[in-house]
C-alpha atoms as a PDB file:
ATOM      1  CA  MET A   1      -7.296 -28.822  -9.389  1.00  0.00           C
ATOM      2  CA  VAL A   2     -10.685 -31.187  -8.702  1.00  0.00           C
ATOM      3  CA  ASP A   3     -13.586 -29.807  -7.385  1.00  0.00           C
ATOM      4  CA  LEU A   4     -14.884 -31.137  -4.262  1.00  0.00           C
ATOM      5  CA  SER A   5     -17.781 -28.645  -3.031  1.00  0.00           C
ATOM      6  CA  VAL A   6     -21.050 -29.592  -2.707  1.00  0.00           C
ATOM      7  CA  LYS A   7     -24.033 -28.361  -1.854  1.00  0.00           C
ATOM      8  CA  ILE A   8     -26.470 -29.414   0.751  1.00  0.00           C
ATOM      9  CA  GLY A   9     -29.589 -26.392   0.061  1.00  0.00           C
ATOM     10  CA  ASN A  10     -28.031 -23.137   0.351  1.00  0.00           C
ATOM     11  CA  LEU A  11     -25.614 -24.359   2.704  1.00  0.00           C
ATOM     12  CA  GLY A  12     -22.125 -24.933   0.581  1.00  0.00           C
ATOM     13  CA  LEU A  13     -18.951 -27.177   1.623  1.00  0.00           C
ATOM     14  CA  LYS A  14     -15.819 -27.192   0.659  1.00  0.00           C
ATOM     15  CA  ASN A  15     -15.645 -31.201   0.528  1.00  0.00           C
ATOM     16  CA  PRO A  16     -18.587 -33.465   0.734  1.00  0.00           C
ATOM     17  CA  VAL A  17     -16.617 -34.661   4.095  1.00  0.00           C
ATOM     18  CA  MET A  18     -18.382 -34.406   7.533  1.00  0.00           C
ATOM     19  CA  THR A  19     -17.985 -35.607  11.258  1.00  0.00           C
ATOM     20  CA  ALA A  20     -21.533 -37.228  12.482  1.00  0.00           C
ATOM     21  CA  SER A  21     -22.537 -35.962  15.888  1.00  0.00           C
ATOM     22  CA  GLY A  22     -21.534 -37.767  18.954  1.00  0.00           C
ATOM     23  CA  THR A  23     -18.248 -38.858  17.587  1.00  0.00           C
ATOM     24  CA  PHE A  24     -16.453 -35.727  17.058  1.00  0.00           C
ATOM     25  CA  GLY A  25     -17.276 -33.761  20.118  1.00  0.00           C
ATOM     26  CA  TYR A  26     -17.623 -30.357  19.645  1.00  0.00           C
ATOM     27  CA  GLY A  27     -14.726 -30.228  16.603  1.00  0.00           C
ATOM     28  CA  LEU A  28     -12.249 -28.300  19.559  1.00  0.00           C
ATOM     29  CA  GLU A  29     -11.237 -32.233  21.061  1.00  0.00           C
ATOM     30  CA  PHE A  30      -9.941 -33.038  17.575  1.00  0.00           C
ATOM     31  CA  ALA A  31      -8.425 -30.002  16.720  1.00  0.00           C
ATOM     32  CA  ASP A  32      -4.915 -30.853  17.635  1.00  0.00           C
ATOM     33  CA  PHE A  33      -5.163 -34.321  15.175  1.00  0.00           C
ATOM     34  CA  ILE A  34      -6.117 -32.332  12.228  1.00  0.00           C
ATOM     35  CA  ASP A  35      -7.145 -29.137  10.617  1.00  0.00           C
ATOM     36  CA  LEU A  36     -10.814 -28.410  11.363  1.00  0.00           C
ATOM     37  CA  SER A  37     -11.275 -26.259   8.180  1.00  0.00           C
ATOM     38  CA  ARG A  38      -9.775 -28.914   5.847  1.00  0.00           C
ATOM     39  CA  LEU A  39     -13.447 -30.810   6.722  1.00  0.00           C
ATOM     40  CA  GLY A  40     -17.097 -30.054   4.463  1.00  0.00           C
ATOM     41  CA  GLY A  41     -18.257 -29.653   8.529  1.00  0.00           C
ATOM     42  CA  ILE A  42     -18.820 -30.571  11.953  1.00  0.00           C
ATOM     43  CA  ILE A  43     -21.908 -31.968  13.240  1.00  0.00           C
ATOM     44  CA  VAL A  44     -21.419 -31.067  16.910  1.00  0.00           C
ATOM     45  CA  LYS A  45     -22.695 -33.555  19.680  1.00  0.00           C
ATOM     46  CA  GLY A  46     -26.188 -33.866  20.446  1.00  0.00           C
ATOM     47  CA  THR A  47     -28.171 -30.299  21.804  1.00  0.00           C
ATOM     48  CA  THR A  48     -31.913 -30.556  23.784  1.00  0.00           C
ATOM     49  CA  LEU A  49     -33.486 -27.737  25.624  1.00  0.00           C
ATOM     50  CA  ASN A  50     -32.034 -29.015  28.898  1.00  0.00           C
ATOM     51  CA  HIS A  51     -29.565 -30.164  30.843  1.00  0.00           C
ATOM     52  CA  ARG A  52     -29.328 -33.874  30.156  1.00  0.00           C
ATOM     53  CA  GLU A  53     -27.614 -36.380  32.675  1.00  0.00           C
ATOM     54  CA  GLY A  54     -27.359 -39.133  30.079  1.00  0.00           C
ATOM     55  CA  ASN A  55     -27.858 -43.081  31.244  1.00  0.00           C
ATOM     56  CA  LEU A  56     -26.159 -44.859  33.381  1.00  0.00           C
ATOM     57  CA  TYR A  57     -23.028 -46.628  33.043  1.00  0.00           C
ATOM     58  CA  PRO A  58     -21.879 -48.858  31.252  1.00  0.00           C
ATOM     59  CA  ARG A  59     -23.492 -47.371  27.971  1.00  0.00           C
ATOM     60  CA  MET A  60     -20.550 -48.793  25.707  1.00  0.00           C
ATOM     61  CA  ALA A  61     -19.715 -51.768  24.372  1.00  0.00           C
ATOM     62  CA  GLU A  62     -17.531 -53.225  21.445  1.00  0.00           C
ATOM     63  CA  THR A  63     -19.236 -55.904  19.272  1.00  0.00           C
ATOM     64  CA  PRO A  64     -17.592 -57.213  15.869  1.00  0.00           C
ATOM     65  CA  SER A  65     -16.916 -54.798  13.896  1.00  0.00           C
ATOM     66  CA  GLY A  66     -18.402 -51.726  15.740  1.00  0.00           C
ATOM     67  CA  MET A  67     -19.760 -50.762  18.885  1.00  0.00           C
ATOM     68  CA  LEU A  68     -23.034 -50.224  20.714  1.00  0.00           C
ATOM     69  CA  ASN A  69     -23.722 -46.969  22.548  1.00  0.00           C
ATOM     70  CA  ALA A  70     -26.469 -45.821  25.027  1.00  0.00           C
ATOM     71  CA  VAL A  71     -25.004 -42.747  25.771  1.00  0.00           C
ATOM     72  CA  GLY A  72     -28.443 -40.708  25.814  1.00  0.00           C
ATOM     73  CA  LEU A  73     -27.516 -37.274  24.773  1.00  0.00           C
ATOM     74  CA  GLN A  74     -25.374 -35.974  27.649  1.00  0.00           C
ATOM     75  CA  ASN A  75     -24.933 -31.977  27.267  1.00  0.00           C
ATOM     76  CA  LYS A  76     -25.194 -28.986  29.354  1.00  0.00           C
ATOM     77  CA  GLY A  77     -28.552 -28.069  27.332  1.00  0.00           C
ATOM     78  CA  VAL A  78     -28.697 -25.219  24.450  1.00  0.00           C
ATOM     79  CA  GLU A  79     -28.410 -22.391  26.672  1.00  0.00           C
ATOM     80  CA  TYR A  80     -25.148 -23.714  28.133  1.00  0.00           C
ATOM     81  CA  PHE A  81     -23.941 -24.292  24.209  1.00  0.00           C
ATOM     82  CA  ALA A  82     -25.250 -20.880  23.480  1.00  0.00           C
ATOM     83  CA  GLU A  83     -23.354 -19.657  25.803  1.00  0.00           C
ATOM     84  CA  HIS A  84     -20.008 -21.290  26.754  1.00  0.00           C
ATOM     85  CA  ILE A  85     -19.625 -23.341  23.283  1.00  0.00           C
ATOM     86  CA  TYR A  86     -20.457 -21.306  20.836  1.00  0.00           C
ATOM     87  CA  PRO A  87     -17.870 -18.715  21.532  1.00  0.00           C
ATOM     88  CA  GLN A  88     -15.469 -21.208  20.634  1.00  0.00           C
ATOM     89  CA  ILE A  89     -16.580 -22.955  18.179  1.00  0.00           C
ATOM     90  CA  LYS A  90     -17.940 -19.649  16.068  1.00  0.00           C
ATOM     91  CA  ASP A  91     -15.202 -19.004  14.254  1.00  0.00           C
ATOM     92  CA  ILE A  92     -14.076 -22.651  12.896  1.00  0.00           C
ATOM     93  CA  ASP A  93     -13.164 -22.284   9.459  1.00  0.00           C
ATOM     94  CA  THR A  94     -15.909 -24.958   8.298  1.00  0.00           C
ATOM     95  CA  ASN A  95     -19.417 -25.230   8.580  1.00  0.00           C
ATOM     96  CA  MET A  96     -20.520 -25.480  12.333  1.00  0.00           C
ATOM     97  CA  ILE A  97     -24.057 -27.417  12.535  1.00  0.00           C
ATOM     98  CA  VAL A  98     -26.002 -28.551  16.079  1.00  0.00           C
ATOM     99  CA  ASN A  99     -27.852 -31.378  15.729  1.00  0.00           C
ATOM    100  CA  VAL A 100     -31.008 -31.223  17.515  1.00  0.00           C
ATOM    101  CA  SER A 101     -32.672 -33.335  19.784  1.00  0.00           C
ATOM    102  CA  GLY A 102     -36.320 -33.328  22.351  1.00  0.00           C
ATOM    103  CA  ALA A 103     -38.412 -34.930  24.475  1.00  0.00           C
ATOM    104  CA  CYS A 104     -41.218 -33.283  22.706  1.00  0.00           C
ATOM    105  CA  VAL A 105     -42.313 -31.271  19.779  1.00  0.00           C
ATOM    106  CA  GLU A 106     -42.298 -28.117  21.878  1.00  0.00           C
ATOM    107  CA  ASP A 107     -38.627 -28.637  22.700  1.00  0.00           C
ATOM    108  CA  TYR A 108     -37.442 -29.060  19.569  1.00  0.00           C
ATOM    109  CA  VAL A 109     -39.301 -25.347  18.715  1.00  0.00           C
ATOM    110  CA  ALA A 110     -37.437 -23.838  21.344  1.00  0.00           C
ATOM    111  CA  THR A 111     -34.009 -25.540  20.887  1.00  0.00           C
ATOM    112  CA  ALA A 112     -34.416 -24.490  17.163  1.00  0.00           C
ATOM    113  CA  GLU A 113     -35.223 -20.964  18.081  1.00  0.00           C
ATOM    114  CA  ARG A 114     -32.158 -20.437  19.725  1.00  0.00           C
ATOM    115  CA  ILE A 115     -29.872 -21.995  17.928  1.00  0.00           C
ATOM    116  CA  ALA A 116     -31.193 -19.528  14.961  1.00  0.00           C
ATOM    117  CA  SER A 117     -30.309 -16.858  16.879  1.00  0.00           C
ATOM    118  CA  LEU A 118     -26.200 -17.579  16.344  1.00  0.00           C
ATOM    119  CA  ASP A 119     -24.787 -15.904  13.018  1.00  0.00           C
ATOM    120  CA  LYS A 120     -22.310 -18.470  12.754  1.00  0.00           C
ATOM    121  CA  ILE A 121     -24.708 -21.780  12.771  1.00  0.00           C
ATOM    122  CA  PRO A 122     -25.618 -22.375   9.354  1.00  0.00           C
ATOM    123  CA  ALA A 123     -27.718 -25.669  10.097  1.00  0.00           C
ATOM    124  CA  ILE A 124     -28.935 -28.036  12.375  1.00  0.00           C
ATOM    125  CA  GLU A 125     -29.082 -31.699  12.003  1.00  0.00           C
ATOM    126  CA  LEU A 126     -33.072 -32.823  13.341  1.00  0.00           C
ATOM    127  CA  ASN A 127     -32.607 -36.035  15.441  1.00  0.00           C
ATOM    128  CA  ILE A 128     -35.564 -37.362  15.344  1.00  0.00           C
ATOM    129  CA  SER A 129     -33.976 -41.385  15.249  1.00  0.00           C
ATOM    130  CA  CYS A 130     -32.035 -42.021  18.202  1.00  0.00           C
ATOM    131  CA  PRO A 131     -33.009 -44.917  19.916  1.00  0.00           C
ATOM    132  CA  ASN A 132     -30.829 -44.272  23.639  1.00  0.00           C
ATOM    133  CA  VAL A 133     -33.188 -42.217  24.972  1.00  0.00           C
ATOM    134  CA  LYS A 134     -36.764 -43.047  26.730  1.00  0.00           C
ATOM    135  CA  GLN A 135     -38.615 -40.126  25.821  1.00  0.00           C
ATOM    136  CA  GLY A 136     -38.617 -37.976  21.958  1.00  0.00           C
ATOM    137  CA  GLY A 137     -35.843 -39.103  19.757  1.00  0.00           C
ATOM    138  CA  MET A 138     -36.822 -41.984  17.711  1.00  0.00           C
ATOM    139  CA  ALA A 139     -40.257 -41.689  19.084  1.00  0.00           C
ATOM    140  CA  PHE A 140     -40.473 -39.493  16.030  1.00  0.00           C
ATOM    141  CA  GLY A 141     -39.007 -40.958  13.060  1.00  0.00           C
ATOM    142  CA  THR A 142     -40.538 -44.086  12.961  1.00  0.00           C
ATOM    143  CA  SER A 143     -43.456 -43.081  11.030  1.00  0.00           C
ATOM    144  CA  CYS A 144     -44.317 -40.508   8.468  1.00  0.00           C
ATOM    145  CA  GLU A 145     -46.609 -38.816  10.814  1.00  0.00           C
ATOM    146  CA  GLY A 146     -44.450 -38.090  13.813  1.00  0.00           C
ATOM    147  CA  ALA A 147     -41.314 -37.398  11.828  1.00  0.00           C
ATOM    148  CA  ALA A 148     -43.704 -34.442   9.693  1.00  0.00           C
ATOM    149  CA  SER A 149     -45.048 -33.040  13.094  1.00  0.00           C
ATOM    150  CA  VAL A 150     -41.668 -32.340  14.798  1.00  0.00           C
ATOM    151  CA  VAL A 151     -40.302 -31.161  11.141  1.00  0.00           C
ATOM    152  CA  SER A 152     -43.181 -28.958  10.317  1.00  0.00           C
ATOM    153  CA  ALA A 153     -43.391 -27.060  13.901  1.00  0.00           C
ATOM    154  CA  VAL A 154     -39.088 -26.915  13.605  1.00  0.00           C
ATOM    155  CA  ARG A 155     -39.405 -25.437   9.786  1.00  0.00           C
ATOM    156  CA  LYS A 156     -42.324 -23.056  11.065  1.00  0.00           C
ATOM    157  CA  VAL A 157     -39.408 -21.099  13.492  1.00  0.00           C
ATOM    158  CA  TYR A 158     -35.914 -22.089  11.696  1.00  0.00           C
ATOM    159  CA  PRO A 159     -35.186 -19.704   8.580  1.00  0.00           C
ATOM    160  CA  LYS A 160     -32.147 -22.112   7.791  1.00  0.00           C
ATOM    161  CA  THR A 161     -30.878 -25.331   6.272  1.00  0.00           C
ATOM    162  CA  LEU A 162     -32.656 -27.713   7.976  1.00  0.00           C
ATOM    163  CA  ILE A 163     -31.414 -31.565   8.015  1.00  0.00           C
ATOM    164  CA  VAL A 164     -33.273 -34.696   9.200  1.00  0.00           C
ATOM    165  CA  LYS A 165     -31.497 -37.157  10.801  1.00  0.00           C
ATOM    166  CA  LEU A 166     -33.665 -40.723   9.822  1.00  0.00           C
ATOM    167  CA  SER A 167     -33.747 -43.866  11.818  1.00  0.00           C
ATOM    168  CA  PRO A 168     -33.100 -47.273  10.157  1.00  0.00           C
ATOM    169  CA  ASN A 169     -34.997 -49.124  12.795  1.00  0.00           C
ATOM    170  CA  VAL A 170     -38.199 -48.197  10.146  1.00  0.00           C
ATOM    171  CA  THR A 171     -39.868 -50.796   7.313  1.00  0.00           C
ATOM    172  CA  ASP A 172     -39.876 -48.096   4.939  1.00  0.00           C
ATOM    173  CA  ILE A 173     -37.043 -45.076   5.249  1.00  0.00           C
ATOM    174  CA  ALA A 174     -37.626 -43.639   1.970  1.00  0.00           C
ATOM    175  CA  SER A 175     -41.780 -42.916   2.502  1.00  0.00           C
ATOM    176  CA  ILE A 176     -40.597 -40.970   6.397  1.00  0.00           C
ATOM    177  CA  ALA A 177     -37.924 -38.974   3.938  1.00  0.00           C
ATOM    178  CA  LYS A 178     -40.799 -38.446   1.362  1.00  0.00           C
ATOM    179  CA  ALA A 179     -43.158 -36.717   3.894  1.00  0.00           C
ATOM    180  CA  VAL A 180     -39.922 -35.116   6.158  1.00  0.00           C
ATOM    181  CA  GLU A 181     -38.993 -33.244   2.393  1.00  0.00           C
ATOM    182  CA  ALA A 182     -42.684 -32.579   2.417  1.00  0.00           C
ATOM    183  CA  GLU A 183     -42.889 -30.824   5.277  1.00  0.00           C
ATOM    184  CA  GLY A 184     -39.999 -28.346   4.151  1.00  0.00           C
ATOM    185  CA  ALA A 185     -36.470 -30.391   5.208  1.00  0.00           C
ATOM    186  CA  ASP A 186     -33.455 -29.000   2.990  1.00  0.00           C
ATOM    187  CA  SER A 187     -31.630 -32.456   3.514  1.00  0.00           C
ATOM    188  CA  VAL A 188     -31.541 -35.834   5.114  1.00  0.00           C
ATOM    189  CA  SER A 189     -29.000 -37.877   6.778  1.00  0.00           C
ATOM    190  CA  LEU A 190     -29.152 -41.579   7.423  1.00  0.00           C
ATOM    191  CA  ILE A 191     -28.714 -43.716   8.894  1.00  0.00           C
ATOM    192  CA  ASN A 192     -28.216 -43.510  12.670  1.00  0.00           C
ATOM    193  CA  THR A 193     -27.798 -46.213  14.957  1.00  0.00           C
ATOM    194  CA  LEU A 194     -29.356 -50.044  15.285  1.00  0.00           C
ATOM    195  CA  MET A 195     -30.969 -50.811  17.799  1.00  0.00           C
ATOM    196  CA  GLY A 196     -28.532 -53.873  19.006  1.00  0.00           C
ATOM    197  CA  MET A 197     -27.476 -55.432  22.876  1.00  0.00           C
ATOM    198  CA  SER A 198     -24.869 -57.683  24.078  1.00  0.00           C
ATOM    199  CA  ILE A 199     -24.991 -59.787  26.312  1.00  0.00           C
ATOM    200  CA  ASP A 200     -22.114 -61.572  29.086  1.00  0.00           C
ATOM    201  CA  ALA A 201     -22.505 -64.919  29.186  1.00  0.00           C
ATOM    202  CA  GLU A 202     -20.185 -65.476  32.266  1.00  0.00           C
ATOM    203  CA  ARG A 203     -21.656 -62.891  33.923  1.00  0.00           C
ATOM    204  CA  ARG A 204     -25.469 -63.220  32.619  1.00  0.00           C
ATOM    205  CA  ARG A 205     -25.829 -59.411  32.154  1.00  0.00           C
ATOM    206  CA  PRO A 206     -26.442 -57.065  29.470  1.00  0.00           C
ATOM    207  CA  ARG A 207     -23.314 -55.125  28.835  1.00  0.00           C
ATOM    208  CA  LEU A 208     -25.645 -51.955  28.759  1.00  0.00           C
ATOM    209  CA  SER A 209     -26.774 -50.347  31.554  1.00  0.00           C
ATOM    210  CA  THR A 210     -30.090 -49.555  28.903  1.00  0.00           C
ATOM    211  CA  ILE A 211     -29.936 -53.235  27.970  1.00  0.00           C
ATOM    212  CA  THR A 212     -30.010 -52.789  24.386  1.00  0.00           C
ATOM    213  CA  GLY A 213     -28.146 -49.422  22.406  1.00  0.00           C
ATOM    214  CA  GLY A 214     -27.456 -48.046  19.068  1.00  0.00           C
ATOM    215  CA  LEU A 215     -24.631 -50.299  16.960  1.00  0.00           C
ATOM    216  CA  SER A 216     -22.518 -48.294  14.695  1.00  0.00           C
ATOM    217  CA  GLY A 217     -19.810 -49.215  12.947  1.00  0.00           C
ATOM    218  CA  ALA A 218     -18.556 -51.039  10.116  1.00  0.00           C
ATOM    219  CA  CYS A 219     -21.087 -53.829  10.376  1.00  0.00           C
ATOM    220  CA  VAL A 220     -23.752 -51.403   9.441  1.00  0.00           C
ATOM    221  CA  LYS A 221     -22.577 -50.197   6.043  1.00  0.00           C
ATOM    222  CA  PRO A 222     -24.062 -52.488   3.954  1.00  0.00           C
ATOM    223  CA  VAL A 223     -27.677 -51.916   5.191  1.00  0.00           C
ATOM    224  CA  ALA A 224     -27.137 -48.259   5.243  1.00  0.00           C
ATOM    225  CA  LEU A 225     -25.262 -47.832   1.554  1.00  0.00           C
ATOM    226  CA  ARG A 226     -29.073 -49.842   0.599  1.00  0.00           C
ATOM    227  CA  MET A 227     -31.099 -47.260   2.676  1.00  0.00           C
ATOM    228  CA  VAL A 228     -29.124 -44.690   0.946  1.00  0.00           C
ATOM    229  CA  TRP A 229     -29.422 -45.685  -2.028  1.00  0.00           C
ATOM    230  CA  GLN A 230     -33.088 -46.639  -1.648  1.00  0.00           C
ATOM    231  CA  VAL A 231     -33.705 -42.838  -0.093  1.00  0.00           C
ATOM    232  CA  ALA A 232     -31.715 -40.423  -3.220  1.00  0.00           C
ATOM    233  CA  ASN A 233     -34.046 -42.371  -5.604  1.00  0.00           C
ATOM    234  CA  ALA A 234     -37.380 -41.247  -3.594  1.00  0.00           C
ATOM    235  CA  VAL A 235     -36.334 -37.477  -2.801  1.00  0.00           C
ATOM    236  CA  LYS A 236     -34.991 -34.555  -4.768  1.00  0.00           C
ATOM    237  CA  ILE A 237     -33.310 -32.925  -1.811  1.00  0.00           C
ATOM    238  CA  PRO A 238     -29.858 -33.795  -0.881  1.00  0.00           C
ATOM    239  CA  VAL A 239     -29.153 -36.999   1.160  1.00  0.00           C
ATOM    240  CA  ILE A 240     -26.279 -37.093   3.566  1.00  0.00           C
ATOM    241  CA  GLY A 241     -24.565 -40.411   4.517  1.00  0.00           C
ATOM    242  CA  LEU A 242     -23.345 -42.426   7.065  1.00  0.00           C
ATOM    243  CA  GLY A 243     -22.589 -45.804   8.733  1.00  0.00           C
ATOM    244  CA  GLY A 244     -19.845 -47.292   9.327  1.00  0.00           C
ATOM    245  CA  ILE A 245     -17.404 -45.256   6.544  1.00  0.00           C
ATOM    246  CA  SER A 246     -13.882 -45.954   7.643  1.00  0.00           C
ATOM    247  CA  SER A 247     -11.992 -45.117   4.032  1.00  0.00           C
ATOM    248  CA  ALA A 248     -11.995 -43.466   1.199  1.00  0.00           C
ATOM    249  CA  THR A 249     -13.755 -46.227  -0.895  1.00  0.00           C
ATOM    250  CA  ASP A 250     -16.487 -46.217   1.427  1.00  0.00           C
ATOM    251  CA  ALA A 251     -17.144 -42.532   0.899  1.00  0.00           C
ATOM    252  CA  VAL A 252     -17.507 -42.681  -2.930  1.00  0.00           C
ATOM    253  CA  GLU A 253     -19.514 -45.928  -2.147  1.00  0.00           C
ATOM    254  CA  PHE A 254     -22.017 -43.629  -0.755  1.00  0.00           C
ATOM    255  CA  LEU A 255     -21.794 -41.150  -3.039  1.00  0.00           C
ATOM    256  CA  LEU A 256     -21.996 -43.413  -5.673  1.00  0.00           C
ATOM    257  CA  ALA A 257     -25.244 -44.883  -4.583  1.00  0.00           C
ATOM    258  CA  GLY A 258     -27.005 -41.468  -4.244  1.00  0.00           C
ATOM    259  CA  ALA A 259     -25.487 -38.875  -1.617  1.00  0.00           C
ATOM    260  CA  THR A 260     -23.979 -36.091  -1.811  1.00  0.00           C
ATOM    261  CA  ALA A 261     -22.074 -35.722   1.324  1.00  0.00           C
ATOM    262  CA  ILE A 262     -21.018 -38.309   3.574  1.00  0.00           C
ATOM    263  CA  GLN A 263     -20.338 -38.030   7.207  1.00  0.00           C
ATOM    264  CA  ILE A 264     -17.819 -40.305   9.360  1.00  0.00           C
ATOM    265  CA  GLY A 265     -19.100 -40.891  12.660  1.00  0.00           C
ATOM    266  CA  THR A 266     -17.338 -44.552  14.515  1.00  0.00           C
ATOM    267  CA  ALA A 267     -14.211 -44.349  12.385  1.00  0.00           C
ATOM    268  CA  ASN A 268     -13.090 -40.798  14.495  1.00  0.00           C
ATOM    269  CA  PHE A 269     -12.805 -43.023  17.927  1.00  0.00           C
ATOM    270  CA  ILE A 270     -10.371 -45.548  16.190  1.00  0.00           C
ATOM    271  CA  ASP A 271      -8.649 -42.868  14.055  1.00  0.00           C
ATOM    272  CA  PRO A 272      -8.762 -39.384  14.619  1.00  0.00           C
ATOM    273  CA  ALA A 273      -7.095 -38.228  11.375  1.00  0.00           C
ATOM    274  CA  ILE A 274      -9.904 -40.378   9.248  1.00  0.00           C
ATOM    275  CA  THR A 275     -11.728 -37.444   7.674  1.00  0.00           C
ATOM    276  CA  VAL A 276      -8.877 -35.722   6.190  1.00  0.00           C
ATOM    277  CA  LYS A 277      -7.440 -38.771   4.957  1.00  0.00           C
ATOM    278  CA  VAL A 278     -11.202 -39.481   3.290  1.00  0.00           C
ATOM    279  CA  VAL A 279     -10.833 -36.248   1.682  1.00  0.00           C
ATOM    280  CA  GLU A 280      -7.297 -36.682   0.257  1.00  0.00           C
ATOM    281  CA  GLY A 281      -8.373 -40.390  -0.554  1.00  0.00           C
ATOM    282  CA  ILE A 282     -11.683 -38.882  -2.307  1.00  0.00           C
ATOM    283  CA  GLU A 283      -9.628 -35.950  -4.510  1.00  0.00           C
ATOM    284  CA  GLU A 284      -6.909 -39.105  -5.192  1.00  0.00           C
ATOM    285  CA  TYR A 285      -9.713 -41.205  -6.597  1.00  0.00           C
ATOM    286  CA  LEU A 286     -11.660 -38.635  -9.033  1.00  0.00           C
ATOM    287  CA  LYS A 287      -7.823 -37.479 -10.637  1.00  0.00           C
ATOM    288  CA  ARG A 288      -7.776 -41.376 -11.018  1.00  0.00           C
ATOM    289  CA  HIS A 289     -11.003 -41.542 -12.781  1.00  0.00           C
ATOM    290  CA  ASN A 290     -10.435 -38.341 -14.905  1.00  0.00           C
ATOM    291  CA  PHE A 291     -13.322 -36.875 -12.705  1.00  0.00           C
ATOM    292  CA  ASN A 292     -13.328 -33.218 -12.583  1.00  0.00           C
ATOM    293  CA  SER A 293     -16.131 -32.488  -9.653  1.00  0.00           C
ATOM    294  CA  VAL A 294     -17.002 -34.808  -7.208  1.00  0.00           C
ATOM    295  CA  GLN A 295     -20.640 -33.507  -8.600  1.00  0.00           C
ATOM    296  CA  ASP A 296     -19.778 -36.296 -11.700  1.00  0.00           C
ATOM    297  CA  ILE A 297     -19.859 -39.084  -9.502  1.00  0.00           C
ATOM    298  CA  ILE A 298     -22.478 -38.573  -7.015  1.00  0.00           C
ATOM    299  CA  GLY A 299     -25.408 -41.180  -8.009  1.00  0.00           C
ATOM    300  CA  ALA A 300     -23.470 -42.435 -10.335  1.00  0.00           C
ATOM    301  CA  LEU A 301     -24.051 -46.239  -9.544  1.00  0.00           C
ATOM    302  CA  GLU A 302     -24.536 -48.053 -12.998  1.00  0.00           C
ATOM    303  CA  VAL A 303     -27.170 -50.483 -11.802  1.00  0.00           C
ATOM    304  CA  ARG A 304     -27.635 -53.577 -14.967  1.00  0.00           C
END
C-alpha cells in the first residue's frame, strides 16, 4: 500500500488533495458525485462576520483556459454558518476547513473566534487575498505589515491549525509568506486568483460588473507553480499549492515543487469528480515510480 497521508501543522490529512474555497460549496453539493470521505480536506466557501450579498451580476466570465469571477464573498455570515451549515457538515469523514475573510482585523478575529468554538472544524484558512471585495481581503495580503497584523491578531484567539491564503498580486510573495510564518501561521496556501479583466468588444463594455475580477483555471498554473516553489524554499511551514490543477500530473508537479498538499478549484466546475480522480492518479504515479509514500516526492524537484 502507498501512504498518501500528510500533515499540515497538527492537522493530519489522509491524502494531499483538498478543495479550494468558493469552488466546492459546503461539500454537500458534491455528495452525489463523489465519496467526500475520500478527500484529504474540504475548504468551504468564504465566511465573513456578517451577511454579504456579494457583487452585482454579471460576476463570472469565461476566458481562454480559465475564468474570471467577482462573486465578492457572498455568504450569510458566521452565525448562520454555525447554526445551519455546521450541523449538516460536522460528521463528514474528512477535514472540514472554513475560509475566513473580513473587512477589518476585528472582523477576522471575531469570525475566527466563533469558528474556533465549533469542535469539528479543525482548521481555518485565513483569506487575506481576495481581489473581489472593496474592503479588507487583498488589501491585507499585499504587504508584509498588513498580512502580519491580521495573522498576529487571529493567532491570539485561534488555537487550532491556521492556514493563511496568499495573494499572487504582489512583487515578492516569499517575503509575505515569511511574515505570516513569523506571526504563527501553521501553513500558507497559494495562490489565490490573479487580477484580470474581460471586455465585450461588440458592446464596448466590461463583462464583469466590477470591471476587474479574479482569474483562475489552467492559465494561471505556471504562475502558481513558480510561486509555490519560491515560497516552499523560503519558509519552514507546510505549503498548500493551488492554481490551475486539473489532473493528477498537475498535482504531482506542485508536490515536486514543494507543496505538502494541493487544492483543486476551477476544475470542479468542469468535472465534479476530479478530486477523487486526482487522489487515484497520485497513488498510481507513486506506484509507477516505486515510491512508498507521497512524502518521497514532496520538494523532490531536481534542479540542474
